[in-house]
Amino acid sequence: MQDYSLPAFSPHTGSTFQVVAYGQPALELTLAEVEDLSVEDDLRDPNIRSQPFSLIFHGPMSPLAQQGVYDLTHAALGSLSLFLVPLGPGRKTPQFMQYQAIFN
């Protein structure tokens, strides 16, 4: 996948990604949220071309994937590498471990 953009990920909210954790069984994460992190136009740096955004994934409470770069595969998006950070269980979804990837 070449297009790491908010519009590329947004239609896939609710879909499943397979995470390859080296030496571990594959982990399934669901893309729960795609959030636009753009600032207001009057605060935006005109030299920055990309639109910052965040991806929130939900996964099982165990096994826990540590912070790091992981290879993910998706049926429509193909293969991609993302730096994932475990955030802990969600307030609204305490049964899931949350992971975040930020693009800026």
N, C-alpha and C. Protein backbone atom coordinates (compact mmCIF):
# COMPACT_ATOMS: atom_id res chain seq x y z
N MET A 1 0.84 -1.18 0.00
CA MET A 1 0.00 0.00 0.00
C MET A 1 0.88 1.23 0.00
N GLN A 2 0.67 2.11 -0.91
CA GLN A 2 1.45 3.34 -1.02
C GLN A 2 0.76 4.53 -0.36
N ASP A 3 -0.56 4.52 -0.31
CA ASP A 3 -1.33 5.66 0.13
C ASP A 3 -1.63 5.59 1.63
N TYR A 4 -0.78 6.23 2.44
CA TYR A 4 -1.00 6.32 3.87
C TYR A 4 -1.72 7.64 4.14
N SER A 5 -3.02 7.68 3.86
CA SER A 5 -3.78 8.91 4.03
C SER A 5 -5.10 8.61 4.73
N LEU A 6 -5.69 9.64 5.30
CA LEU A 6 -6.97 9.51 5.96
C LEU A 6 -8.04 8.97 5.02
N PRO A 7 -8.17 9.51 3.79
CA PRO A 7 -9.19 8.96 2.88
C PRO A 7 -8.96 7.49 2.50
N ALA A 8 -7.72 7.04 2.53
CA ALA A 8 -7.43 5.64 2.19
C ALA A 8 -7.91 4.69 3.28
N PHE A 9 -7.81 5.11 4.56
CA PHE A 9 -8.19 4.25 5.67
C PHE A 9 -9.66 4.37 6.07
N SER A 10 -10.25 5.55 5.93
CA SER A 10 -11.61 5.80 6.43
C SER A 10 -12.65 4.78 6.00
N PRO A 11 -12.69 4.37 4.72
CA PRO A 11 -13.73 3.41 4.32
C PRO A 11 -13.58 2.04 4.97
N HIS A 12 -12.46 1.79 5.62
CA HIS A 12 -12.19 0.46 6.17
C HIS A 12 -12.41 0.39 7.68
N THR A 13 -13.02 1.43 8.24
CA THR A 13 -13.38 1.40 9.66
C THR A 13 -14.29 0.20 9.90
N GLY A 14 -13.98 -0.58 10.92
CA GLY A 14 -14.75 -1.77 11.24
C GLY A 14 -14.19 -3.04 10.62
N SER A 15 -13.20 -2.91 9.76
CA SER A 15 -12.63 -4.11 9.12
C SER A 15 -11.43 -4.63 9.91
N THR A 16 -11.04 -5.85 9.57
CA THR A 16 -10.01 -6.57 10.32
C THR A 16 -8.66 -6.51 9.61
N PHE A 17 -7.62 -6.33 10.41
CA PHE A 17 -6.23 -6.36 9.95
C PHE A 17 -5.54 -7.51 10.66
N GLN A 18 -4.74 -8.26 9.93
CA GLN A 18 -3.91 -9.32 10.50
C GLN A 18 -2.55 -8.71 10.84
N VAL A 19 -2.10 -8.89 12.06
CA VAL A 19 -0.82 -8.35 12.51
C VAL A 19 0.15 -9.50 12.68
N VAL A 20 1.29 -9.36 12.02
CA VAL A 20 2.34 -10.36 12.16
C VAL A 20 3.26 -9.92 13.30
N ALA A 21 3.19 -10.66 14.39
CA ALA A 21 4.06 -10.41 15.53
C ALA A 21 5.14 -11.48 15.50
N TYR A 22 6.35 -11.07 15.26
CA TYR A 22 7.46 -12.01 15.07
C TYR A 22 7.57 -12.98 16.24
N GLY A 23 7.54 -14.27 15.91
CA GLY A 23 7.65 -15.31 16.92
C GLY A 23 6.35 -15.54 17.66
N GLN A 24 5.28 -14.88 17.26
CA GLN A 24 3.97 -15.01 17.92
C GLN A 24 2.94 -15.38 16.86
N PRO A 25 1.81 -15.94 17.29
CA PRO A 25 0.73 -16.17 16.32
C PRO A 25 0.19 -14.83 15.82
N ALA A 26 -0.39 -14.85 14.63
CA ALA A 26 -0.97 -13.62 14.08
C ALA A 26 -2.03 -13.08 15.03
N LEU A 27 -2.12 -11.77 15.10
CA LEU A 27 -3.06 -11.08 15.96
C LEU A 27 -4.05 -10.34 15.08
N GLU A 28 -5.34 -10.42 15.38
CA GLU A 28 -6.34 -9.70 14.61
C GLU A 28 -6.70 -8.40 15.32
N LEU A 29 -6.62 -7.30 14.59
CA LEU A 29 -7.02 -5.99 15.10
C LEU A 29 -8.13 -5.44 14.21
N THR A 30 -9.09 -4.79 14.82
CA THR A 30 -10.18 -4.15 14.09
C THR A 30 -9.94 -2.66 14.08
N LEU A 31 -10.02 -2.05 12.91
CA LEU A 31 -9.89 -0.60 12.81
C LEU A 31 -11.16 0.02 13.37
N ALA A 32 -11.06 0.61 14.55
CA ALA A 32 -12.22 1.13 15.26
C ALA A 32 -12.50 2.59 14.95
N GLU A 33 -11.44 3.36 14.67
CA GLU A 33 -11.61 4.80 14.50
C GLU A 33 -10.52 5.38 13.62
N VAL A 34 -10.89 6.30 12.76
CA VAL A 34 -9.96 7.08 11.96
C VAL A 34 -10.25 8.54 12.31
N GLU A 35 -9.28 9.22 12.91
CA GLU A 35 -9.50 10.58 13.40
C GLU A 35 -8.62 11.59 12.67
N ASP A 36 -9.24 12.63 12.18
CA ASP A 36 -8.54 13.75 11.54
C ASP A 36 -7.89 14.58 12.65
N LEU A 37 -6.59 14.81 12.57
CA LEU A 37 -5.87 15.59 13.57
C LEU A 37 -5.45 16.96 13.04
N SER A 38 -6.05 17.38 11.94
CA SER A 38 -5.71 18.67 11.35
C SER A 38 -6.08 19.81 12.29
N VAL A 39 -5.29 20.87 12.23
CA VAL A 39 -5.59 22.08 12.99
C VAL A 39 -6.36 23.04 12.10
N GLU A 40 -6.93 24.05 12.71
CA GLU A 40 -7.67 25.05 11.95
C GLU A 40 -6.76 25.68 10.89
N ASP A 41 -7.35 26.09 9.77
CA ASP A 41 -6.59 26.63 8.65
C ASP A 41 -5.68 27.79 9.05
N ASP A 42 -6.13 28.66 9.95
CA ASP A 42 -5.30 29.81 10.31
C ASP A 42 -4.11 29.42 11.18
N LEU A 43 -4.12 28.21 11.74
CA LEU A 43 -3.00 27.72 12.56
C LEU A 43 -2.09 26.77 11.79
N ARG A 44 -2.51 26.37 10.62
CA ARG A 44 -1.80 25.36 9.84
C ARG A 44 -0.54 25.93 9.20
N ASP A 45 0.52 25.16 9.23
CA ASP A 45 1.77 25.53 8.59
C ASP A 45 1.64 25.27 7.09
N PRO A 46 1.77 26.28 6.24
CA PRO A 46 1.59 26.09 4.80
C PRO A 46 2.66 25.20 4.17
N ASN A 47 3.77 24.96 4.88
CA ASN A 47 4.83 24.11 4.37
C ASN A 47 4.54 22.61 4.56
N ILE A 48 3.54 22.30 5.37
CA ILE A 48 3.20 20.91 5.62
C ILE A 48 2.10 20.50 4.65
N ARG A 49 2.40 19.48 3.85
CA ARG A 49 1.47 19.07 2.81
C ARG A 49 0.53 17.96 3.26
N SER A 50 0.94 17.16 4.21
CA SER A 50 0.12 16.02 4.58
C SER A 50 -0.94 16.38 5.62
N GLN A 51 -1.98 15.58 5.66
CA GLN A 51 -3.06 15.75 6.62
C GLN A 51 -2.80 14.78 7.78
N PRO A 52 -2.54 15.29 8.98
CA PRO A 52 -2.29 14.38 10.10
C PRO A 52 -3.56 13.66 10.53
N PHE A 53 -3.40 12.39 10.89
CA PHE A 53 -4.55 11.61 11.34
C PHE A 53 -4.08 10.48 12.23
N SER A 54 -5.03 9.88 12.91
CA SER A 54 -4.76 8.80 13.86
C SER A 54 -5.65 7.62 13.54
N LEU A 55 -5.12 6.43 13.72
CA LEU A 55 -5.89 5.19 13.61
C LEU A 55 -5.96 4.56 14.99
N ILE A 56 -7.15 4.15 15.40
CA ILE A 56 -7.32 3.41 16.65
C ILE A 56 -7.82 2.01 16.28
N PHE A 57 -7.09 1.03 16.76
CA PHE A 57 -7.45 -0.37 16.54
C PHE A 57 -7.90 -0.99 17.86
N HIS A 58 -8.81 -1.95 17.77
CA HIS A 58 -9.21 -2.74 18.93
C HIS A 58 -8.71 -4.16 18.72
N GLY A 59 -8.15 -4.73 19.79
CA GLY A 59 -7.67 -6.09 19.74
C GLY A 59 -7.99 -6.81 21.03
N PRO A 60 -7.61 -8.07 21.12
CA PRO A 60 -7.86 -8.83 22.35
C PRO A 60 -6.99 -8.31 23.49
N MET A 61 -7.41 -8.57 24.70
CA MET A 61 -6.64 -8.14 25.88
C MET A 61 -5.34 -8.95 25.99
N SER A 62 -5.34 -10.15 25.44
CA SER A 62 -4.14 -10.98 25.49
C SER A 62 -4.10 -11.79 24.19
N PRO A 63 -2.97 -11.92 23.59
CA PRO A 63 -1.66 -11.40 23.98
C PRO A 63 -1.56 -9.91 23.66
N LEU A 64 -0.72 -9.24 24.41
CA LEU A 64 -0.49 -7.81 24.23
C LEU A 64 0.67 -7.61 23.27
N ALA A 65 0.45 -6.81 22.25
CA ALA A 65 1.54 -6.43 21.34
C ALA A 65 2.24 -5.22 21.95
N GLN A 66 3.53 -5.30 22.10
CA GLN A 66 4.31 -4.20 22.65
C GLN A 66 4.43 -3.08 21.61
N GLN A 67 4.77 -1.90 22.05
CA GLN A 67 5.00 -0.78 21.14
C GLN A 67 6.08 -1.15 20.13
N GLY A 68 5.81 -0.88 18.87
CA GLY A 68 6.79 -1.18 17.85
C GLY A 68 6.20 -1.18 16.45
N VAL A 69 7.04 -1.48 15.49
CA VAL A 69 6.63 -1.55 14.09
C VAL A 69 6.16 -2.97 13.80
N TYR A 70 4.97 -3.06 13.19
CA TYR A 70 4.39 -4.35 12.86
C TYR A 70 3.98 -4.36 11.40
N ASP A 71 4.05 -5.55 10.80
CA ASP A 71 3.54 -5.76 9.45
C ASP A 71 2.08 -6.15 9.58
N LEU A 72 1.22 -5.41 8.87
CA LEU A 72 -0.20 -5.68 8.87
C LEU A 72 -0.63 -6.04 7.46
N THR A 73 -1.65 -6.89 7.37
CA THR A 73 -2.25 -7.18 6.07
C THR A 73 -3.75 -6.95 6.18
N HIS A 74 -4.31 -6.48 5.08
CA HIS A 74 -5.73 -6.18 5.00
C HIS A 74 -6.23 -6.63 3.64
N ALA A 75 -7.44 -7.15 3.58
CA ALA A 75 -7.97 -7.69 2.33
C ALA A 75 -7.97 -6.67 1.20
N ALA A 76 -8.31 -5.43 1.47
CA ALA A 76 -8.39 -4.41 0.42
C ALA A 76 -7.13 -3.55 0.33
N LEU A 77 -6.48 -3.29 1.46
CA LEU A 77 -5.33 -2.38 1.49
C LEU A 77 -4.00 -3.08 1.23
N GLY A 78 -3.98 -4.39 1.37
CA GLY A 78 -2.74 -5.13 1.16
C GLY A 78 -1.85 -5.11 2.38
N SER A 79 -0.53 -5.12 2.16
CA SER A 79 0.45 -5.15 3.24
C SER A 79 0.95 -3.75 3.56
N LEU A 80 1.13 -3.49 4.85
CA LEU A 80 1.68 -2.21 5.28
C LEU A 80 2.38 -2.40 6.61
N SER A 81 3.30 -1.52 6.92
CA SER A 81 4.00 -1.52 8.19
C SER A 81 3.59 -0.28 8.97
N LEU A 82 3.19 -0.49 10.22
CA LEU A 82 2.77 0.62 11.08
C LEU A 82 3.45 0.54 12.42
N PHE A 83 3.74 1.72 12.99
CA PHE A 83 4.23 1.81 14.36
C PHE A 83 3.01 1.88 15.26
N LEU A 84 2.79 0.83 16.04
CA LEU A 84 1.62 0.74 16.92
C LEU A 84 2.02 0.96 18.37
N VAL A 85 1.17 1.69 19.08
CA VAL A 85 1.37 1.97 20.50
C VAL A 85 0.15 1.43 21.25
N PRO A 86 0.36 0.53 22.22
CA PRO A 86 -0.78 0.08 23.02
C PRO A 86 -1.21 1.20 23.96
N LEU A 87 -2.52 1.48 23.98
CA LEU A 87 -3.06 2.55 24.82
C LEU A 87 -3.73 2.02 26.08
N GLY A 88 -4.02 0.76 26.12
CA GLY A 88 -4.78 0.19 27.23
C GLY A 88 -6.21 -0.02 26.81
N PRO A 89 -7.01 -0.56 27.72
CA PRO A 89 -8.43 -0.78 27.40
C PRO A 89 -9.14 0.55 27.17
N GLY A 90 -10.13 0.53 26.29
CA GLY A 90 -10.89 1.73 26.02
C GLY A 90 -11.89 2.02 27.13
N ARG A 91 -12.20 3.30 27.33
CA ARG A 91 -13.19 3.66 28.34
C ARG A 91 -14.57 3.11 27.99
N LYS A 92 -14.92 3.25 26.71
CA LYS A 92 -16.22 2.77 26.25
C LYS A 92 -16.20 1.29 25.88
N THR A 93 -15.00 0.77 25.67
CA THR A 93 -14.86 -0.63 25.26
C THR A 93 -13.77 -1.30 26.10
N PRO A 94 -14.02 -1.49 27.40
CA PRO A 94 -12.97 -2.04 28.28
C PRO A 94 -12.59 -3.48 27.97
N GLN A 95 -13.38 -4.15 27.14
CA GLN A 95 -13.07 -5.54 26.78
C GLN A 95 -12.00 -5.64 25.70
N PHE A 96 -11.62 -4.49 25.10
CA PHE A 96 -10.63 -4.48 24.04
C PHE A 96 -9.39 -3.70 24.44
N MET A 97 -8.23 -4.18 24.00
CA MET A 97 -7.00 -3.42 24.10
C MET A 97 -6.98 -2.47 22.90
N GLN A 98 -6.65 -1.21 23.14
CA GLN A 98 -6.58 -0.23 22.06
C GLN A 98 -5.13 -0.03 21.63
N TYR A 99 -4.94 0.11 20.33
CA TYR A 99 -3.64 0.42 19.75
C TYR A 99 -3.81 1.64 18.86
N GLN A 100 -2.79 2.48 18.81
CA GLN A 100 -2.87 3.70 18.01
C GLN A 100 -1.68 3.80 17.07
N ALA A 101 -1.96 4.31 15.86
CA ALA A 101 -0.92 4.68 14.89
C ALA A 101 -1.21 6.11 14.50
N ILE A 102 -0.19 6.98 14.54
CA ILE A 102 -0.36 8.38 14.20
C ILE A 102 0.45 8.70 12.95
N PHE A 103 -0.17 9.46 12.05
CA PHE A 103 0.48 9.90 10.81
C PHE A 103 0.49 11.42 10.81
N ASN A 104 1.67 12.01 10.59
CA ASN A 104 1.74 13.47 10.50
C ASN A 104 2.69 13.91 9.42
